[in-house]
Amino acid sequence: MASLVSHEWLLRHLHDENTRILDCRFWLGDPAKGAAVYQEDHIPGAVYMDLERDLSGPVGEHGGRHPLPSAEQAADVFGRVGIDETVTVVAYDDQDGAMAARCWWLLRYFGHAHVYVLDGNYSEWKKKGHPVTNVVPAVASRPFRPRPDRSWLATVEDVRAAVRDRSVVLIDSREWKRYAGLEEPIDRRAGRIPGAVHRFWKDGMTEGGYWKSAVEQAARFADFDRGQPLIVYCGSGVTACPNVLALHEAGYHNVRLYVGSFSDWISYPDHPIETGDPSSDA
């Protein structure tokens, strides 16, 4: 099932009662900026989703920098913005789909099938002259009933097993320097989960926040068998989500997100890490 909709599709459905638009713009280095720019203007009817308040659970000792929200939190967050099983959700951002894909993954994990990411970012929407507004919509709440689907989620225990027996492909979505352990600007240790292969998430995107075609995405992952189990991670379970979406677009469905990702992995002192370029190993 396709996970993307075009600007033109959204324009046609902009005022549908059962279409809910979620503005997911968020800047990791400036957490207040997303809400501020939403107040300035947004797609008509859109409600704001904050990465750290709405799309993540509370940070603790384990779970990473953007932990998985509880089912109770999801019911509250998505219910109060008027999402139930009859609603089609479209998420957008201005970060090449990373934040919107996190929202898409959360809704899929919690059992909501009718969720899509807008193909093309908010800046492109405005550049095309499509309507924007500063009016914050009044949205009636609806009962959101979470139905967690474990086939979307990899736990730390799943990743430990993958490292131990190498029966699952681990995909690191961060940029190469972080994968190789050459630099680490965010987390307290540098490197990768042992055995992980590298697929930078931005390689699935083109200029303007548009997604590469399903054929182009398939070419990025051509060395993986379509039936092979895959676990995707990044630093904190956000920028891995575009790779999860890209894999689904390319026809891979045995794909799970390690939601705690590398920041969770290194919260356990006994967990091993690797560094360097694995292709240079003798």
Protein backbone atom coordinates (compact mmCIF):
# COMPACT_ATOMS: atom_id res chain seq x y z
CA MET A 1 0.00 0.00 0.00
CA ALA A 2 1.36 3.40 -0.97
CA SER A 3 2.33 5.66 1.91
CA LEU A 4 2.65 8.97 0.04
CA VAL A 5 0.15 11.49 -1.35
CA SER A 6 0.86 14.39 -3.68
CA HIS A 7 0.16 18.08 -3.17
CA GLU A 8 -2.54 17.76 -5.82
CA TRP A 9 -4.25 14.94 -3.92
CA LEU A 10 -4.26 16.99 -0.73
CA LEU A 11 -5.65 20.03 -2.53
CA ARG A 12 -8.59 17.91 -3.71
CA HIS A 13 -9.25 16.63 -0.19
CA LEU A 14 -8.32 19.74 1.77
CA HIS A 15 -11.80 20.28 3.16
CA ASP A 16 -12.93 16.67 3.55
CA GLU A 17 -14.44 16.13 6.99
CA ASN A 18 -12.57 12.85 7.40
CA THR A 19 -9.16 14.09 6.28
CA ARG A 20 -6.89 15.23 9.10
CA ILE A 21 -3.69 17.13 8.27
CA LEU A 22 -0.81 17.05 10.76
CA ASP A 23 1.94 19.68 10.68
CA CYS A 24 5.07 17.95 12.04
CA ARG A 25 7.69 20.64 11.46
CA PHE A 26 10.40 20.42 14.13
CA TRP A 27 14.02 21.50 14.45
CA LEU A 28 16.12 19.37 16.81
CA GLY A 29 18.45 22.29 17.59
CA ASP A 30 15.53 24.66 18.29
CA PRO A 31 12.61 22.71 19.78
CA ALA A 32 10.28 25.72 20.01
CA LYS A 33 10.65 26.73 16.36
CA GLY A 34 8.17 24.26 14.88
CA ALA A 35 5.24 25.50 16.95
CA ALA A 36 6.25 29.11 16.25
CA VAL A 37 6.34 28.73 12.47
CA TYR A 38 3.05 26.81 12.61
CA GLN A 39 1.46 29.85 14.27
CA GLU A 40 2.78 32.02 11.43
CA ASP A 41 1.26 29.88 8.68
CA HIS A 42 0.38 26.29 7.82
CA ILE A 43 -1.77 24.27 5.44
CA PRO A 44 -5.46 25.06 6.10
CA GLY A 45 -6.98 22.65 8.59
CA ALA A 46 -3.61 21.38 9.83
CA VAL A 47 -3.03 20.79 13.53
CA TYR A 48 0.45 20.85 15.05
CA MET A 49 2.28 17.74 16.26
CA ASP A 50 5.37 18.37 18.39
CA LEU A 51 8.05 15.68 18.01
CA GLU A 52 9.05 15.68 21.66
CA ARG A 53 5.71 16.38 23.32
CA ASP A 54 3.31 14.48 21.03
CA LEU A 55 5.31 11.94 19.02
CA SER A 56 7.67 10.75 21.78
CA GLY A 57 7.29 9.41 25.29
CA PRO A 58 9.06 10.72 28.40
CA VAL A 59 12.85 10.34 28.35
CA GLY A 60 14.22 7.90 30.94
CA GLU A 61 17.32 5.83 31.60
CA HIS A 62 16.56 3.64 28.60
CA GLY A 63 14.42 4.12 25.51
CA GLY A 64 16.58 6.64 23.71
CA ARG A 65 16.22 10.37 23.14
CA HIS A 66 12.76 10.06 21.55
CA PRO A 67 11.13 7.08 23.27
CA LEU A 68 8.05 5.22 22.13
CA PRO A 69 4.90 6.81 23.56
CA SER A 70 2.58 4.60 25.59
CA ALA A 71 -0.76 3.50 24.16
CA GLU A 72 -2.45 5.83 26.66
CA GLN A 73 -0.41 8.80 25.44
CA ALA A 74 -1.17 7.93 21.81
CA ALA A 75 -4.89 7.70 22.57
CA ASP A 76 -4.80 11.16 24.10
CA VAL A 77 -2.59 12.82 21.47
CA PHE A 78 -4.33 11.47 18.38
CA GLY A 79 -7.81 11.47 19.90
CA ARG A 80 -7.74 15.15 20.80
CA VAL A 81 -6.86 16.10 17.21
CA GLY A 82 -9.87 14.22 15.91
CA ILE A 83 -8.43 10.96 14.64
CA ASP A 84 -10.45 7.78 14.75
CA GLU A 85 -10.54 4.72 12.47
CA THR A 86 -12.60 6.59 9.83
CA VAL A 87 -10.08 9.40 9.36
CA THR A 88 -7.41 9.63 6.66
CA VAL A 89 -4.29 11.32 8.03
CA VAL A 90 -1.73 13.28 5.99
CA ALA A 91 1.47 14.37 7.75
CA TYR A 92 3.94 16.95 6.44
CA ASP A 93 7.07 18.76 7.58
CA ASP A 94 9.93 20.87 6.23
CA GLN A 95 12.67 18.38 7.18
CA ASP A 96 12.72 16.11 4.11
CA GLY A 97 9.98 13.92 5.55
CA ALA A 98 11.80 12.82 8.73
CA MET A 99 9.29 14.20 11.25
CA ALA A 100 6.27 13.37 9.10
CA ALA A 101 7.55 9.82 8.64
CA ARG A 102 7.92 9.47 12.42
CA CYS A 103 4.24 10.43 12.76
CA TRP A 104 3.33 8.00 9.95
CA TRP A 105 5.23 5.18 11.66
CA LEU A 106 3.64 5.84 15.06
CA LEU A 107 0.14 5.75 13.63
CA ARG A 108 0.91 2.56 11.69
CA TYR A 109 2.37 0.98 14.83
CA PHE A 110 -0.73 1.92 16.81
CA GLY A 111 -2.95 0.28 14.19
CA HIS A 112 -4.08 3.21 12.03
CA ALA A 113 -3.74 2.14 8.40
CA HIS A 114 -5.02 5.27 6.64
CA VAL A 115 -2.01 7.51 7.15
CA TYR A 116 0.22 9.11 4.53
CA VAL A 117 3.17 11.45 4.21
CA LEU A 118 2.92 14.44 1.90
CA ASP A 119 5.29 14.10 -1.07
CA GLY A 120 7.04 17.46 -1.16
CA ASN A 121 7.72 19.66 1.86
CA TYR A 122 5.86 22.66 3.21
CA SER A 123 8.22 25.13 1.52
CA GLU A 124 7.37 23.51 -1.82
CA TRP A 125 3.67 23.78 -1.00
CA LYS A 126 4.05 27.52 -0.47
CA LYS A 127 6.33 27.94 -3.50
CA LYS A 128 3.58 26.47 -5.69
CA GLY A 129 1.15 29.07 -4.39
CA HIS A 130 -1.08 26.58 -2.61
CA PRO A 131 -3.24 27.98 0.20
CA VAL A 132 -1.83 28.65 3.66
CA THR A 133 -3.37 30.23 6.74
CA ASN A 134 -2.55 31.31 10.29
CA VAL A 135 -5.94 30.18 11.58
CA VAL A 136 -5.63 27.39 14.14
CA PRO A 137 -8.56 25.05 13.48
CA ALA A 138 -11.00 24.00 16.18
CA VAL A 139 -11.06 20.21 15.92
CA ALA A 140 -13.50 18.03 17.82
CA SER A 141 -11.91 15.11 19.60
CA ARG A 142 -12.67 11.56 18.55
CA PRO A 143 -11.90 8.23 20.23
CA PHE A 144 -8.52 6.96 19.04
CA ARG A 145 -8.17 3.30 20.01
CA PRO A 146 -4.53 2.16 19.90
CA ARG A 147 -3.95 -1.36 18.61
CA PRO A 148 -0.17 -1.81 18.83
CA ASP A 149 1.20 -3.96 16.02
CA ARG A 150 4.49 -5.57 17.06
CA SER A 151 5.37 -6.32 13.44
CA TRP A 152 6.38 -2.64 13.14
CA LEU A 153 8.57 -2.53 16.26
CA ALA A 154 11.97 -3.91 17.22
CA THR A 155 12.82 -3.91 20.91
CA VAL A 156 16.31 -3.81 22.39
CA GLU A 157 15.96 -7.57 22.99
CA ASP A 158 15.28 -8.06 19.26
CA VAL A 159 18.40 -6.07 18.40
CA ARG A 160 20.53 -8.01 20.88
CA ALA A 161 19.38 -11.22 19.19
CA ALA A 162 20.15 -9.74 15.75
CA VAL A 163 23.69 -8.84 16.87
CA ARG A 164 24.19 -12.27 18.40
CA ASP A 165 22.98 -14.54 15.60
CA ARG A 166 23.13 -12.20 12.54
CA SER A 167 19.78 -13.55 11.31
CA VAL A 168 18.37 -10.04 10.78
CA VAL A 169 19.82 -7.20 8.72
CA LEU A 170 20.43 -4.09 10.81
CA ILE A 171 20.26 -0.86 8.79
CA ASP A 172 21.87 2.31 10.17
CA SER A 173 20.18 5.40 8.71
CA ARG A 174 22.56 8.09 9.97
CA GLU A 175 25.13 9.90 7.89
CA TRP A 176 28.36 8.02 7.17
CA LYS A 177 30.57 9.85 9.67
CA ARG A 178 28.32 8.87 12.55
CA TYR A 179 27.91 5.30 11.27
CA ALA A 180 31.69 4.92 11.05
CA GLY A 181 32.21 6.51 14.47
CA LEU A 182 34.31 9.33 13.02
CA GLU A 183 32.18 11.92 14.78
CA GLU A 184 29.20 11.99 17.12
CA PRO A 185 27.61 15.41 17.66
CA ILE A 186 24.68 14.24 19.79
CA ASP A 187 25.15 10.95 21.63
CA ARG A 188 27.80 10.28 24.28
CA ARG A 189 29.44 7.38 22.40
CA ALA A 190 30.42 7.17 18.74
CA GLY A 191 30.00 4.18 16.46
CA ARG A 192 27.29 1.78 15.34
CA ILE A 193 25.51 -1.35 16.44
CA PRO A 194 27.73 -4.33 15.48
CA GLY A 195 26.99 -5.81 12.08
CA ALA A 196 24.87 -2.90 10.86
CA VAL A 197 24.97 -1.84 7.21
CA HIS A 198 24.70 1.78 6.11
CA ARG A 199 21.85 3.43 4.19
CA PHE A 200 21.72 7.20 4.73
CA TRP A 201 18.07 8.21 4.97
CA LYS A 202 18.46 11.35 2.86
CA ASP A 203 19.53 9.24 -0.12
CA GLY A 204 15.85 8.38 -0.50
CA MET A 205 14.90 12.01 -1.06
CA THR A 206 15.26 14.59 -3.80
CA GLU A 207 15.30 18.38 -3.62
CA GLY A 208 12.21 19.95 -2.11
CA GLY A 209 11.39 17.06 0.17
CA TYR A 210 10.13 14.85 -2.64
CA TRP A 211 10.58 11.11 -2.32
CA LYS A 212 12.35 9.03 -4.93
CA SER A 213 10.17 6.62 -6.90
CA ALA A 214 9.49 3.09 -5.70
CA VAL A 215 11.87 1.80 -8.38
CA GLU A 216 14.63 4.15 -7.22
CA GLN A 217 14.04 3.17 -3.60
CA ALA A 218 14.22 -0.51 -4.53
CA ALA A 219 17.62 0.14 -6.14
CA ARG A 220 18.91 1.54 -2.82
CA PHE A 221 18.06 -1.73 -1.09
CA ALA A 222 18.66 -4.14 -3.97
CA ASP A 223 21.16 -6.25 -2.01
CA PHE A 224 18.46 -7.21 0.53
CA ASP A 225 16.11 -10.10 -0.14
CA ARG A 226 12.48 -8.96 0.03
CA GLY A 227 11.64 -11.69 2.51
CA GLN A 228 14.61 -10.97 4.74
CA PRO A 229 13.81 -9.50 8.18
CA LEU A 230 15.12 -5.95 8.49
CA ILE A 231 15.57 -3.71 11.53
CA VAL A 232 16.14 -0.02 10.84
CA TYR A 233 17.63 2.46 13.30
CA CYS A 234 19.22 5.90 13.53
CA GLY A 235 20.22 8.06 16.49
CA SER A 236 16.87 8.28 18.26
CA GLY A 237 14.23 6.61 16.09
CA VAL A 238 13.26 9.62 13.96
CA THR A 239 15.38 9.74 10.78
CA ALA A 240 15.18 5.95 10.51
CA CYS A 241 11.46 6.34 9.77
CA PRO A 242 12.01 7.67 6.22
CA ASN A 243 14.00 4.50 5.48
CA VAL A 244 11.16 2.37 6.90
CA LEU A 245 8.72 4.18 4.64
CA ALA A 246 11.06 3.92 1.64
CA LEU A 247 11.43 0.18 2.19
CA HIS A 248 7.65 -0.23 2.26
CA GLU A 249 7.37 1.79 -0.94
CA ALA A 250 9.97 -0.51 -2.50
CA GLY A 251 7.98 -3.62 -1.58
CA TYR A 252 9.73 -4.69 1.62
CA HIS A 253 7.28 -5.51 4.41
CA ASN A 254 9.30 -7.45 7.00
CA VAL A 255 10.65 -4.15 8.31
CA ARG A 256 10.80 -3.02 11.93
CA LEU A 257 11.97 0.19 13.57
CA TYR A 258 14.29 0.03 16.57
CA VAL A 259 12.53 2.99 18.09
CA GLY A 260 15.14 3.66 20.79
CA SER A 261 17.90 3.36 18.18
CA PHE A 262 21.56 4.06 18.90
CA SER A 263 20.82 6.38 21.84
CA ASP A 264 19.01 3.50 23.55
CA TRP A 265 21.65 0.92 22.56
CA ILE A 266 24.44 2.88 24.25
CA SER A 267 22.37 3.38 27.42
CA TYR A 268 23.37 -0.19 28.32
CA PRO A 269 27.07 -0.09 29.34
CA ASP A 270 27.71 -3.70 28.32
CA HIS A 271 26.49 -3.27 24.74
CA PRO A 272 29.29 -3.49 22.15
CA ILE A 273 29.77 -0.93 19.39
CA GLU A 274 31.75 -0.96 16.16
CA THR A 275 33.65 1.81 14.42
CA GLY A 276 35.46 2.27 11.13
CA ASP A 277 34.68 1.28 7.56
CA PRO A 278 33.56 -2.38 7.51
CA SER A 279 34.42 -2.69 3.81
CA SER A 280 38.10 -2.16 4.64
CA ASP A 281 38.25 -5.18 6.95
CA ALA A 282 40.63 -7.88 5.79
